[in-house]
Amino acid sequence: MKPIYLNLSKPADKLPTGSSRFWGNPDLPNGTDYPTYTDEDGEEYHYEFVCQINLADIAALDTEGILPHKGLLSFFAKIDYYMGNFDNDPGVSGYISDTDDVKVLFFPEVDDTFQEIVLIDDDDEQVNPMELKINFAHSNKQYGSDHALLAPPNHREWETWDPPYEDWQILLQIDSDEGDDFHLNFLDWGVLDFLISPDDLRNCRFDNVRAIVLST
């Protein structure tokens, strides 16, 4: 399978609802809450929204039909620590995570019930970094970052994942990166890999996705 790279750029205008975007705010259908988790002290926090993929945008590149070719796939993770919030627990680390360290939502259809969910801090400022446009391609030579769907395990220093995840695949890889309003560093410029079992991927089940941070 060929990886599908996410090449990022600043949009000229506000991206439409339901479009592919990196950072910014997620689009969720009416009745769907922004995903949250509860820490060991019982405090509730929002996951960091990483990106959403309008799967129609990658259909021409996914020639093997590994992913659905319509709908929206949205990625969230506990990665505040890697964005400079060192008072927070790192969440995902160098070991394959629990299912509650990341959240992947799949919506088979995108319609007019979707709306942007914006998180605001105590100063009425947007919490998430500003949105970036995603251009999909089989190459990242122009941009250099290893953000990719269906990425090969190039950053892994061993032959397979630890048991019982030996045959799991990288659903999405996020590279360390920086921009005008964010600095994302996975343990000395490593990567974050969202992992999925082959059976779940074949059946479009995304509720058991796990993750790991790899750094050489």
N, C-alpha and C. Protein backbone atom coordinates (compact mmCIF):
# COMPACT_ATOMS: atom_id res chain seq x y z
N MET A 1 0.85 -1.20 0.00
CA MET A 1 0.00 0.00 0.00
C MET A 1 0.88 1.23 0.00
N LYS A 2 0.48 2.25 -0.74
CA LYS A 2 1.23 3.49 -0.78
C LYS A 2 0.73 4.45 0.30
N PRO A 3 1.65 5.08 1.03
CA PRO A 3 1.19 6.08 1.99
C PRO A 3 0.58 7.28 1.28
N ILE A 4 -0.36 7.92 1.95
CA ILE A 4 -0.98 9.14 1.42
C ILE A 4 -0.53 10.27 2.34
N TYR A 5 0.32 11.14 1.82
CA TYR A 5 0.90 12.20 2.65
C TYR A 5 -0.06 13.37 2.79
N LEU A 6 -0.02 13.98 3.98
CA LEU A 6 -0.79 15.17 4.28
C LEU A 6 0.17 16.36 4.21
N ASN A 7 0.12 17.10 3.13
CA ASN A 7 0.97 18.26 2.96
C ASN A 7 0.18 19.51 3.37
N LEU A 8 0.71 20.24 4.33
CA LEU A 8 -0.04 21.31 4.99
C LEU A 8 0.33 22.68 4.45
N SER A 9 -0.67 23.55 4.39
CA SER A 9 -0.45 24.94 3.97
C SER A 9 -1.51 25.83 4.59
N LYS A 10 -1.24 27.12 4.62
CA LYS A 10 -2.21 28.07 5.13
C LYS A 10 -3.32 28.27 4.10
N PRO A 11 -4.58 28.18 4.51
CA PRO A 11 -5.67 28.40 3.55
C PRO A 11 -5.83 29.88 3.24
N ALA A 12 -6.23 30.17 2.01
CA ALA A 12 -6.49 31.56 1.63
C ALA A 12 -7.76 32.08 2.30
N ASP A 13 -8.71 31.19 2.52
CA ASP A 13 -9.98 31.56 3.13
C ASP A 13 -10.37 30.49 4.16
N LYS A 14 -11.38 30.79 4.93
CA LYS A 14 -11.91 29.83 5.89
C LYS A 14 -12.32 28.54 5.17
N LEU A 15 -11.87 27.40 5.68
CA LEU A 15 -12.20 26.13 5.04
C LEU A 15 -13.67 25.80 5.27
N PRO A 16 -14.34 25.24 4.26
CA PRO A 16 -15.77 24.93 4.39
C PRO A 16 -16.03 23.82 5.42
N THR A 17 -17.22 23.81 5.96
CA THR A 17 -17.64 22.75 6.88
C THR A 17 -17.53 21.40 6.20
N GLY A 18 -16.94 20.44 6.91
CA GLY A 18 -16.81 19.10 6.38
C GLY A 18 -15.59 18.87 5.51
N SER A 19 -14.76 19.90 5.34
CA SER A 19 -13.57 19.74 4.50
C SER A 19 -12.42 19.17 5.33
N SER A 20 -11.43 18.62 4.65
CA SER A 20 -10.23 18.14 5.33
C SER A 20 -9.48 19.33 5.93
N ARG A 21 -9.04 19.16 7.18
CA ARG A 21 -8.24 20.22 7.80
C ARG A 21 -7.36 19.63 8.89
N PHE A 22 -6.24 20.29 9.11
CA PHE A 22 -5.32 19.96 10.19
C PHE A 22 -5.39 21.11 11.19
N TRP A 23 -5.44 20.76 12.49
CA TRP A 23 -5.71 21.76 13.55
C TRP A 23 -7.05 22.43 13.29
N GLY A 24 -7.20 23.63 13.79
CA GLY A 24 -8.50 24.29 13.73
C GLY A 24 -9.48 23.59 14.66
N ASN A 25 -10.71 23.51 14.25
CA ASN A 25 -11.78 22.94 15.08
C ASN A 25 -12.51 21.85 14.32
N PRO A 26 -12.96 20.82 15.03
CA PRO A 26 -13.66 19.73 14.35
C PRO A 26 -15.07 20.12 13.94
N ASP A 27 -15.52 19.51 12.86
CA ASP A 27 -16.93 19.60 12.46
C ASP A 27 -17.62 18.33 12.95
N LEU A 28 -18.67 18.52 13.73
CA LEU A 28 -19.39 17.39 14.30
C LEU A 28 -20.88 17.53 14.02
N PRO A 29 -21.58 16.41 13.81
CA PRO A 29 -23.02 16.50 13.56
C PRO A 29 -23.76 16.90 14.83
N ASN A 30 -24.94 17.48 14.65
CA ASN A 30 -25.77 17.85 15.80
C ASN A 30 -25.95 16.67 16.73
N GLY A 31 -25.78 16.92 18.03
CA GLY A 31 -25.95 15.86 19.01
C GLY A 31 -24.67 15.14 19.37
N THR A 32 -23.57 15.44 18.66
CA THR A 32 -22.28 14.83 18.97
C THR A 32 -21.42 15.84 19.71
N ASP A 33 -21.00 15.48 20.92
CA ASP A 33 -20.18 16.37 21.73
C ASP A 33 -18.71 16.26 21.36
N TYR A 34 -18.00 17.34 21.60
CA TYR A 34 -16.55 17.33 21.45
C TYR A 34 -16.00 16.27 22.41
N PRO A 35 -15.15 15.35 21.95
CA PRO A 35 -14.68 14.24 22.81
C PRO A 35 -13.89 14.74 24.02
N THR A 36 -14.15 14.14 25.16
CA THR A 36 -13.45 14.47 26.39
C THR A 36 -12.99 13.19 27.08
N TYR A 37 -12.08 13.37 28.04
CA TYR A 37 -11.64 12.25 28.87
C TYR A 37 -11.55 12.74 30.31
N THR A 38 -11.52 11.82 31.25
CA THR A 38 -11.43 12.13 32.67
C THR A 38 -10.11 11.61 33.21
N ASP A 39 -9.37 12.48 33.90
CA ASP A 39 -8.07 12.05 34.43
C ASP A 39 -8.25 11.31 35.75
N GLU A 40 -7.14 10.89 36.34
CA GLU A 40 -7.19 10.08 37.55
C GLU A 40 -7.76 10.83 38.75
N ASP A 41 -7.80 12.17 38.66
CA ASP A 41 -8.39 12.98 39.74
C ASP A 41 -9.86 13.30 39.50
N GLY A 42 -10.41 12.76 38.41
CA GLY A 42 -11.81 12.99 38.10
C GLY A 42 -12.07 14.27 37.34
N GLU A 43 -11.00 14.95 36.88
CA GLU A 43 -11.16 16.19 36.12
C GLU A 43 -11.38 15.86 34.64
N GLU A 44 -12.30 16.59 34.01
CA GLU A 44 -12.62 16.36 32.61
C GLU A 44 -11.82 17.31 31.72
N TYR A 45 -11.26 16.78 30.64
CA TYR A 45 -10.48 17.57 29.69
C TYR A 45 -10.91 17.23 28.27
N HIS A 46 -10.69 18.18 27.38
CA HIS A 46 -10.92 17.93 25.96
C HIS A 46 -9.67 17.32 25.34
N TYR A 47 -9.88 16.36 24.47
CA TYR A 47 -8.77 15.87 23.67
C TYR A 47 -8.28 16.99 22.74
N GLU A 48 -7.02 16.90 22.34
CA GLU A 48 -6.52 17.81 21.32
C GLU A 48 -7.03 17.33 19.96
N PHE A 49 -7.69 18.22 19.23
CA PHE A 49 -8.12 17.89 17.88
C PHE A 49 -6.91 17.98 16.96
N VAL A 50 -6.63 16.89 16.27
CA VAL A 50 -5.46 16.84 15.38
C VAL A 50 -5.85 17.18 13.94
N CYS A 51 -6.79 16.42 13.40
CA CYS A 51 -7.19 16.69 12.02
C CYS A 51 -8.47 15.94 11.70
N GLN A 52 -9.09 16.33 10.59
CA GLN A 52 -10.22 15.58 10.04
C GLN A 52 -9.96 15.39 8.56
N ILE A 53 -10.34 14.19 8.08
CA ILE A 53 -10.11 13.83 6.69
C ILE A 53 -11.46 13.59 6.02
N ASN A 54 -11.77 14.41 5.02
CA ASN A 54 -12.93 14.12 4.18
C ASN A 54 -12.47 13.03 3.21
N LEU A 55 -13.00 11.83 3.39
CA LEU A 55 -12.46 10.67 2.70
C LEU A 55 -12.65 10.70 1.19
N ALA A 56 -13.55 11.54 0.70
CA ALA A 56 -13.66 11.71 -0.75
C ALA A 56 -12.38 12.32 -1.33
N ASP A 57 -11.64 13.07 -0.50
CA ASP A 57 -10.41 13.72 -0.97
C ASP A 57 -9.28 12.74 -1.23
N ILE A 58 -9.34 11.55 -0.62
CA ILE A 58 -8.24 10.61 -0.78
C ILE A 58 -8.63 9.41 -1.66
N ALA A 59 -9.85 9.41 -2.17
CA ALA A 59 -10.35 8.25 -2.92
C ALA A 59 -9.46 7.91 -4.12
N ALA A 60 -9.05 8.92 -4.87
CA ALA A 60 -8.24 8.66 -6.07
C ALA A 60 -6.85 8.13 -5.72
N LEU A 61 -6.36 8.44 -4.52
CA LEU A 61 -5.02 7.99 -4.11
C LEU A 61 -5.05 6.62 -3.44
N ASP A 62 -6.19 6.25 -2.89
CA ASP A 62 -6.35 4.97 -2.20
C ASP A 62 -6.84 3.94 -3.21
N THR A 63 -5.95 3.56 -4.12
CA THR A 63 -6.36 2.71 -5.23
C THR A 63 -6.71 1.28 -4.78
N GLU A 64 -6.23 0.87 -3.60
CA GLU A 64 -6.54 -0.47 -3.10
C GLU A 64 -7.83 -0.50 -2.26
N GLY A 65 -8.45 0.66 -2.07
CA GLY A 65 -9.70 0.71 -1.32
C GLY A 65 -9.55 0.32 0.13
N ILE A 66 -8.46 0.72 0.74
CA ILE A 66 -8.20 0.35 2.14
C ILE A 66 -9.08 1.15 3.09
N LEU A 67 -9.33 2.40 2.77
CA LEU A 67 -10.18 3.26 3.58
C LEU A 67 -11.52 3.49 2.88
N PRO A 68 -12.55 3.86 3.62
CA PRO A 68 -13.80 4.28 2.96
C PRO A 68 -13.51 5.48 2.05
N HIS A 69 -14.31 5.65 1.03
CA HIS A 69 -14.10 6.75 0.08
C HIS A 69 -15.15 7.83 0.19
N LYS A 70 -15.90 7.81 1.28
CA LYS A 70 -16.78 8.92 1.60
C LYS A 70 -16.93 8.99 3.11
N GLY A 71 -17.40 10.12 3.59
CA GLY A 71 -17.53 10.32 5.02
C GLY A 71 -16.38 11.13 5.58
N LEU A 72 -16.34 11.23 6.91
CA LEU A 72 -15.35 12.06 7.60
C LEU A 72 -14.68 11.22 8.69
N LEU A 73 -13.36 11.27 8.73
CA LEU A 73 -12.58 10.57 9.74
C LEU A 73 -11.85 11.63 10.56
N SER A 74 -12.13 11.68 11.87
CA SER A 74 -11.62 12.75 12.73
C SER A 74 -10.73 12.17 13.83
N PHE A 75 -9.58 12.79 14.06
CA PHE A 75 -8.56 12.27 14.97
C PHE A 75 -8.35 13.22 16.14
N PHE A 76 -8.38 12.65 17.35
CA PHE A 76 -8.15 13.38 18.59
C PHE A 76 -7.13 12.60 19.42
N ALA A 77 -6.37 13.30 20.27
CA ALA A 77 -5.37 12.59 21.08
C ALA A 77 -4.98 13.43 22.29
N LYS A 78 -4.46 12.73 23.31
CA LYS A 78 -3.90 13.40 24.49
C LYS A 78 -2.45 13.78 24.19
N ILE A 79 -2.25 14.92 23.55
CA ILE A 79 -0.90 15.32 23.16
C ILE A 79 -0.56 16.74 23.62
N ASP A 80 -1.28 17.26 24.61
CA ASP A 80 -0.99 18.61 25.12
C ASP A 80 0.47 18.74 25.52
N TYR A 81 1.00 17.69 26.14
CA TYR A 81 2.39 17.71 26.63
C TYR A 81 3.36 18.00 25.48
N TYR A 82 3.11 17.40 24.34
CA TYR A 82 4.02 17.54 23.21
C TYR A 82 3.84 18.88 22.49
N MET A 83 2.84 19.64 22.92
CA MET A 83 2.64 20.99 22.39
C MET A 83 3.13 22.05 23.38
N GLY A 84 3.85 21.61 24.41
CA GLY A 84 4.47 22.55 25.34
C GLY A 84 3.77 22.70 26.66
N ASN A 85 2.68 21.97 26.88
CA ASN A 85 1.97 22.04 28.17
C ASN A 85 2.53 20.98 29.11
N PHE A 86 3.72 21.25 29.65
CA PHE A 86 4.47 20.23 30.36
C PHE A 86 3.90 19.90 31.73
N ASP A 87 2.92 20.66 32.19
CA ASP A 87 2.26 20.32 33.45
C ASP A 87 1.28 19.16 33.27
N ASN A 88 0.92 18.89 32.02
CA ASN A 88 -0.03 17.81 31.74
C ASN A 88 0.69 16.48 31.57
N ASP A 89 -0.03 15.40 31.81
CA ASP A 89 0.50 14.06 31.57
C ASP A 89 0.77 13.89 30.08
N PRO A 90 1.91 13.24 29.71
CA PRO A 90 2.20 13.07 28.28
C PRO A 90 1.13 12.32 27.51
N GLY A 91 0.29 11.52 28.20
CA GLY A 91 -0.72 10.76 27.47
C GLY A 91 -0.06 9.65 26.67
N VAL A 92 -0.08 9.77 25.35
CA VAL A 92 0.56 8.78 24.50
C VAL A 92 2.07 8.85 24.71
N SER A 93 2.72 7.67 24.81
CA SER A 93 4.16 7.64 25.07
C SER A 93 4.84 6.63 24.14
N GLY A 94 5.98 6.12 24.55
CA GLY A 94 6.74 5.20 23.73
C GLY A 94 6.25 3.77 23.80
N TYR A 95 5.12 3.55 24.43
CA TYR A 95 4.48 2.24 24.48
C TYR A 95 3.10 2.36 23.85
N ILE A 96 2.62 1.27 23.27
CA ILE A 96 1.30 1.30 22.65
C ILE A 96 0.26 1.65 23.72
N SER A 97 -0.55 2.62 23.41
CA SER A 97 -1.43 3.25 24.40
C SER A 97 -2.68 2.43 24.66
N ASP A 98 -3.43 2.88 25.68
CA ASP A 98 -4.79 2.40 25.87
C ASP A 98 -5.70 3.08 24.84
N THR A 99 -6.92 2.57 24.74
CA THR A 99 -7.84 3.16 23.77
C THR A 99 -8.28 4.56 24.16
N ASP A 100 -8.21 4.91 25.45
CA ASP A 100 -8.69 6.24 25.84
C ASP A 100 -7.63 7.32 25.69
N ASP A 101 -6.45 7.00 25.18
CA ASP A 101 -5.43 8.03 24.94
C ASP A 101 -5.63 8.72 23.60
N VAL A 102 -6.37 8.09 22.72
CA VAL A 102 -6.72 8.69 21.43
C VAL A 102 -8.19 8.43 21.15
N LYS A 103 -8.73 9.20 20.26
CA LYS A 103 -10.13 9.02 19.86
C LYS A 103 -10.22 9.28 18.35
N VAL A 104 -10.78 8.30 17.64
CA VAL A 104 -11.00 8.45 16.21
C VAL A 104 -12.49 8.28 15.95
N LEU A 105 -13.09 9.27 15.32
CA LEU A 105 -14.52 9.24 15.02
C LEU A 105 -14.72 9.11 13.52
N PHE A 106 -15.60 8.20 13.12
CA PHE A 106 -15.92 8.02 11.71
C PHE A 106 -17.39 8.32 11.49
N PHE A 107 -17.64 9.25 10.56
CA PHE A 107 -19.00 9.61 10.19
C PHE A 107 -19.20 9.22 8.73
N PRO A 108 -20.04 8.21 8.44
CA PRO A 108 -20.17 7.70 7.06
C PRO A 108 -20.70 8.73 6.06
N GLU A 109 -21.44 9.72 6.54
CA GLU A 109 -21.98 10.75 5.66
C GLU A 109 -21.67 12.12 6.24
N VAL A 110 -21.45 13.09 5.36
CA VAL A 110 -21.27 14.48 5.77
C VAL A 110 -22.43 15.27 5.18
N ASP A 111 -23.23 15.89 6.05
CA ASP A 111 -24.40 16.60 5.56
C ASP A 111 -24.53 17.94 6.29
N ASP A 112 -25.68 18.60 6.11
CA ASP A 112 -25.85 19.95 6.65
C ASP A 112 -26.13 19.97 8.15
N THR A 113 -26.10 18.80 8.80
CA THR A 113 -26.23 18.79 10.26
C THR A 113 -24.88 19.03 10.95
N PHE A 114 -23.80 19.03 10.19
CA PHE A 114 -22.47 19.23 10.77
C PHE A 114 -22.24 20.71 11.05
N GLN A 115 -21.56 20.96 12.17
CA GLN A 115 -21.18 22.33 12.49
C GLN A 115 -19.83 22.34 13.19
N GLU A 116 -19.11 23.44 13.04
CA GLU A 116 -17.81 23.60 13.67
C GLU A 116 -17.98 23.79 15.18
N ILE A 117 -17.21 23.04 15.96
CA ILE A 117 -17.25 23.14 17.41
C ILE A 117 -15.96 23.86 17.87
N VAL A 118 -16.11 25.05 18.38
CA VAL A 118 -14.96 25.89 18.73
C VAL A 118 -14.76 25.90 20.24
N LEU A 119 -13.56 25.56 20.68
CA LEU A 119 -13.22 25.64 22.11
C LEU A 119 -12.65 27.01 22.41
N ILE A 120 -13.15 27.63 23.49
CA ILE A 120 -12.74 28.98 23.88
C ILE A 120 -12.15 28.93 25.29
N ASP A 121 -11.03 29.65 25.51
CA ASP A 121 -10.44 29.67 26.85
C ASP A 121 -11.04 30.80 27.69
N ASP A 122 -10.48 31.01 28.88
CA ASP A 122 -11.03 32.00 29.80
C ASP A 122 -10.90 33.43 29.28
N ASP A 123 -10.02 33.63 28.30
CA ASP A 123 -9.84 34.96 27.71
C ASP A 123 -10.60 35.11 26.40
N ASP A 124 -11.55 34.22 26.17
CA ASP A 124 -12.36 34.22 24.95
C ASP A 124 -11.51 34.05 23.69
N GLU A 125 -10.40 33.35 23.81
CA GLU A 125 -9.54 33.05 22.67
C GLU A 125 -9.72 31.59 22.26
N GLN A 126 -9.57 31.35 20.96
CA GLN A 126 -9.67 29.98 20.47
C GLN A 126 -8.54 29.14 21.05
N VAL A 127 -8.86 27.96 21.55
CA VAL A 127 -7.87 27.09 22.18
C VAL A 127 -6.97 26.42 21.16
N ASN A 128 -7.54 25.90 20.10
CA ASN A 128 -6.77 25.11 19.14
C ASN A 128 -5.96 26.00 18.20
N PRO A 129 -4.83 25.50 17.69
CA PRO A 129 -4.09 26.25 16.67
C PRO A 129 -4.97 26.54 15.45
N MET A 130 -4.58 27.53 14.70
CA MET A 130 -5.36 27.89 13.51
C MET A 130 -5.32 26.78 12.48
N GLU A 131 -6.42 26.64 11.76
CA GLU A 131 -6.55 25.54 10.81
C GLU A 131 -5.56 25.66 9.65
N LEU A 132 -5.14 24.50 9.16
CA LEU A 132 -4.29 24.39 7.99
C LEU A 132 -4.97 23.54 6.94
N LYS A 133 -4.77 23.91 5.69
CA LYS A 133 -5.32 23.14 4.57
C LYS A 133 -4.47 21.90 4.36
N ILE A 134 -5.11 20.79 3.98
CA ILE A 134 -4.40 19.56 3.67
C ILE A 134 -4.46 19.29 2.17
N ASN A 135 -3.30 19.12 1.57
CA ASN A 135 -3.20 18.65 0.20
C ASN A 135 -2.68 17.22 0.24
N PHE A 136 -3.39 16.29 -0.37
CA PHE A 136 -3.02 14.88 -0.30
C PHE A 136 -2.22 14.49 -1.53
N ALA A 137 -1.18 13.65 -1.31
CA ALA A 137 -0.32 13.21 -2.42
C ALA A 137 0.42 11.96 -2.00
N HIS A 138 1.00 11.28 -3.00
CA HIS A 138 1.83 10.12 -2.71
C HIS A 138 3.28 10.52 -2.43
N SER A 139 3.55 11.82 -2.42
CA SER A 139 4.90 12.31 -2.16
C SER A 139 4.84 13.45 -1.16
N ASN A 140 5.89 13.57 -0.34
CA ASN A 140 6.00 14.70 0.57
C ASN A 140 7.29 15.47 0.32
N LYS A 141 7.87 15.31 -0.86
CA LYS A 141 9.19 15.89 -1.12
C LYS A 141 9.18 17.41 -1.03
N GLN A 142 8.08 18.03 -1.45
CA GLN A 142 8.02 19.48 -1.44
C GLN A 142 7.92 20.04 -0.03
N TYR A 143 7.31 19.27 0.88
CA TYR A 143 7.01 19.78 2.22
C TYR A 143 7.90 19.15 3.30
N GLY A 144 8.29 17.89 3.11
CA GLY A 144 9.26 17.28 4.01
C GLY A 144 8.72 16.57 5.23
N SER A 145 7.55 16.94 5.74
CA SER A 145 7.03 16.31 6.95
C SER A 145 6.43 14.94 6.64
N ASP A 146 6.49 14.05 7.63
CA ASP A 146 5.97 12.70 7.45
C ASP A 146 4.56 12.54 8.01
N HIS A 147 3.69 13.52 7.81
CA HIS A 147 2.28 13.34 8.12
C HIS A 147 1.71 12.43 7.03
N ALA A 148 1.15 11.27 7.40
CA ALA A 148 0.69 10.37 6.35
C ALA A 148 -0.37 9.40 6.84
N LEU A 149 -1.37 9.16 6.00
CA LEU A 149 -2.29 8.04 6.17
C LEU A 149 -1.61 6.78 5.65
N LEU A 150 -1.85 5.65 6.32
CA LEU A 150 -1.34 4.35 5.88
C LEU A 150 0.17 4.35 5.74
N ALA A 151 0.83 5.01 6.68
CA ALA A 151 2.29 5.17 6.63
C ALA A 151 3.00 3.84 6.89
N PRO A 152 4.15 3.63 6.26
CA PRO A 152 4.98 2.47 6.62
C PRO A 152 5.67 2.74 7.96
N PRO A 153 6.06 1.69 8.68
CA PRO A 153 6.66 1.89 10.02
C PRO A 153 8.14 2.26 9.94
N ASN A 154 8.47 3.29 9.19
CA ASN A 154 9.87 3.66 8.98
C ASN A 154 10.56 4.14 10.25
N HIS A 155 9.80 4.65 11.21
CA HIS A 155 10.40 5.20 12.42
C HIS A 155 10.52 4.16 13.53
N ARG A 156 10.09 2.96 13.26
CA ARG A 156 10.15 1.89 14.25
C ARG A 156 11.53 1.23 14.21
N GLU A 157 12.15 1.03 15.36
CA GLU A 157 13.50 0.47 15.43
C GLU A 157 13.50 -1.04 15.60
N TRP A 158 12.32 -1.65 15.61
CA TRP A 158 12.24 -3.10 15.76
C TRP A 158 11.33 -3.65 14.66
N GLU A 159 11.32 -4.98 14.51
CA GLU A 159 10.67 -5.57 13.35
C GLU A 159 9.16 -5.46 13.37
N THR A 160 8.53 -5.71 14.52
CA THR A 160 7.08 -5.63 14.63
C THR A 160 6.70 -4.89 15.90
N TRP A 161 5.40 -4.57 16.00
CA TRP A 161 4.90 -4.00 17.24
C TRP A 161 4.90 -5.08 18.31
N ASP A 162 4.84 -4.65 19.57
CA ASP A 162 4.80 -5.61 20.67
C ASP A 162 3.50 -6.42 20.63
N PRO A 163 3.54 -7.68 21.14
CA PRO A 163 2.32 -8.49 21.25
C PRO A 163 1.29 -7.78 22.13
N PRO A 164 0.00 -7.87 21.80
CA PRO A 164 -0.60 -8.65 20.71
C PRO A 164 -0.89 -7.83 19.47
N TYR A 165 -0.06 -6.85 19.20
CA TYR A 165 -0.34 -5.89 18.12
C TYR A 165 0.58 -6.10 16.91
N GLU A 166 1.16 -7.28 16.77
CA GLU A 166 2.20 -7.49 15.76
C GLU A 166 1.80 -7.07 14.35
N ASP A 167 0.56 -7.34 13.95
CA ASP A 167 0.15 -7.07 12.57
C ASP A 167 -0.64 -5.78 12.41
N TRP A 168 -0.68 -4.96 13.46
CA TRP A 168 -1.45 -3.72 13.36
C TRP A 168 -0.79 -2.75 12.38
N GLN A 169 -1.60 -1.93 11.77
CA GLN A 169 -1.13 -0.99 10.74
C GLN A 169 -1.19 0.44 11.26
N ILE A 170 -0.40 1.29 10.64
CA ILE A 170 -0.45 2.72 10.96
C ILE A 170 -1.60 3.34 10.17
N LEU A 171 -2.62 3.73 10.86
CA LEU A 171 -3.75 4.41 10.23
C LEU A 171 -3.36 5.83 9.85
N LEU A 172 -2.75 6.53 10.78
CA LEU A 172 -2.31 7.91 10.55
C LEU A 172 -1.03 8.15 11.32
N GLN A 173 -0.08 8.79 10.66
CA GLN A 173 1.16 9.21 11.31
C GLN A 173 1.24 10.73 11.31
N ILE A 174 1.54 11.29 12.50
CA ILE A 174 1.71 12.73 12.64
C ILE A 174 3.15 13.01 13.01
N ASP A 175 3.80 13.84 12.25
CA ASP A 175 5.21 14.18 12.46
C ASP A 175 5.33 15.38 13.39
N SER A 176 6.46 15.50 14.06
CA SER A 176 6.76 16.74 14.78
C SER A 176 6.78 17.89 13.76
N ASP A 177 6.30 19.04 14.18
CA ASP A 177 6.13 20.14 13.22
C ASP A 177 6.00 21.43 14.00
N GLU A 178 6.08 22.54 13.32
CA GLU A 178 5.84 23.84 13.95
C GLU A 178 5.28 24.81 12.93
N GLY A 179 4.54 25.79 13.44
CA GLY A 179 3.94 26.81 12.60
C GLY A 179 3.88 28.12 13.34
N ASP A 180 3.08 29.05 12.83
CA ASP A 180 3.01 30.38 13.42
C ASP A 180 2.51 30.35 14.85
N ASP A 181 1.60 29.42 15.18
CA ASP A 181 1.01 29.42 16.52
C ASP A 181 1.07 28.05 17.18
N PHE A 182 1.97 27.19 16.74
CA PHE A 182 2.10 25.89 17.42
C PHE A 182 3.53 25.36 17.28
N HIS A 183 3.90 24.54 18.26
CA HIS A 183 5.19 23.84 18.25
C HIS A 183 4.90 22.43 18.75
N LEU A 184 4.99 21.47 17.87
CA LEU A 184 4.64 20.09 18.17
C LEU A 184 5.91 19.24 18.10
N ASN A 185 6.33 18.70 19.24
CA ASN A 185 7.59 17.97 19.30
C ASN A 185 7.39 16.65 20.04
N PHE A 186 7.41 15.54 19.30
CA PHE A 186 7.25 14.22 19.89
C PHE A 186 8.62 13.65 20.27
N LEU A 187 9.06 13.96 21.48
CA LEU A 187 10.30 13.38 22.03
C LEU A 187 11.46 13.50 21.05
N ASP A 188 11.98 14.68 20.91
CA ASP A 188 13.14 14.92 20.04
C ASP A 188 12.79 14.68 18.57
N TRP A 189 11.70 15.31 18.13
CA TRP A 189 11.28 15.35 16.74
C TRP A 189 10.97 13.96 16.18
N GLY A 190 10.18 13.22 16.96
CA GLY A 190 9.68 11.93 16.51
C GLY A 190 8.31 12.04 15.87
N VAL A 191 7.58 10.92 15.89
CA VAL A 191 6.26 10.87 15.27
C VAL A 191 5.25 10.25 16.23
N LEU A 192 3.99 10.56 15.99
CA LEU A 192 2.86 9.92 16.67
C LEU A 192 2.16 9.03 15.65
N ASP A 193 2.04 7.73 15.96
CA ASP A 193 1.36 6.80 15.08
C ASP A 193 0.05 6.33 15.70
N PHE A 194 -1.05 6.51 14.97
CA PHE A 194 -2.33 5.92 15.32
C PHE A 194 -2.36 4.53 14.72
N LEU A 195 -2.57 3.50 15.55
CA LEU A 195 -2.52 2.11 15.09
C LEU A 195 -3.90 1.47 15.10
N ILE A 196 -4.14 0.62 14.09
CA ILE A 196 -5.43 -0.06 13.97
C ILE A 196 -5.20 -1.51 13.54
N SER A 197 -6.06 -2.39 14.01
CA SER A 197 -5.93 -3.80 13.62
C SER A 197 -6.43 -3.97 12.18
N PRO A 198 -5.86 -4.91 11.43
CA PRO A 198 -6.31 -5.14 10.05
C PRO A 198 -7.80 -5.45 9.96
N ASP A 199 -8.31 -6.22 10.91
CA ASP A 199 -9.73 -6.58 10.88
C ASP A 199 -10.62 -5.35 11.09
N ASP A 200 -10.25 -4.50 12.04
CA ASP A 200 -11.02 -3.27 12.26
C ASP A 200 -10.96 -2.37 11.04
N LEU A 201 -9.80 -2.29 10.41
CA LEU A 201 -9.67 -1.45 9.22
C LEU A 201 -10.56 -1.95 8.09
N ARG A 202 -10.57 -3.26 7.88
CA ARG A 202 -11.41 -3.83 6.82
C ARG A 202 -12.89 -3.56 7.07
N ASN A 203 -13.28 -3.53 8.33
CA ASN A 203 -14.69 -3.37 8.68
C ASN A 203 -15.06 -1.95 9.10
N CYS A 204 -14.16 -1.00 8.85
CA CYS A 204 -14.43 0.42 9.14
C CYS A 204 -14.82 0.65 10.60
N ARG A 205 -14.13 -0.07 11.50
CA ARG A 205 -14.33 0.13 12.93
C ARG A 205 -13.14 0.92 13.48
N PHE A 206 -13.42 2.03 14.11
CA PHE A 206 -12.35 2.92 14.55
C PHE A 206 -12.40 3.20 16.05
N ASP A 207 -13.12 2.34 16.81
CA ASP A 207 -13.27 2.59 18.23
C ASP A 207 -12.22 1.89 19.09
N ASN A 208 -11.29 1.16 18.45
CA ASN A 208 -10.24 0.47 19.20
C ASN A 208 -8.85 0.93 18.75
N VAL A 209 -8.78 2.10 18.16
CA VAL A 209 -7.48 2.64 17.71
C VAL A 209 -6.62 2.97 18.92
N ARG A 210 -5.34 2.68 18.80
CA ARG A 210 -4.36 3.00 19.84
C ARG A 210 -3.25 3.84 19.22
N ALA A 211 -2.26 4.21 20.01
CA ALA A 211 -1.21 5.07 19.47
C ALA A 211 0.10 4.84 20.18
N ILE A 212 1.18 5.33 19.56
CA ILE A 212 2.51 5.24 20.14
C ILE A 212 3.34 6.41 19.61
N VAL A 213 4.25 6.90 20.43
CA VAL A 213 5.22 7.92 19.99
C VAL A 213 6.54 7.22 19.74
N LEU A 214 7.10 7.46 18.56
CA LEU A 214 8.39 6.87 18.18
C LEU A 214 9.39 7.99 17.93
N SER A 215 10.59 7.81 18.45
CA SER A 215 11.63 8.82 18.24
C SER A 215 12.99 8.15 18.24
N THR A 216 13.81 8.49 17.27
CA THR A 216 15.15 7.95 17.21
C THR A 216 16.16 8.96 17.72
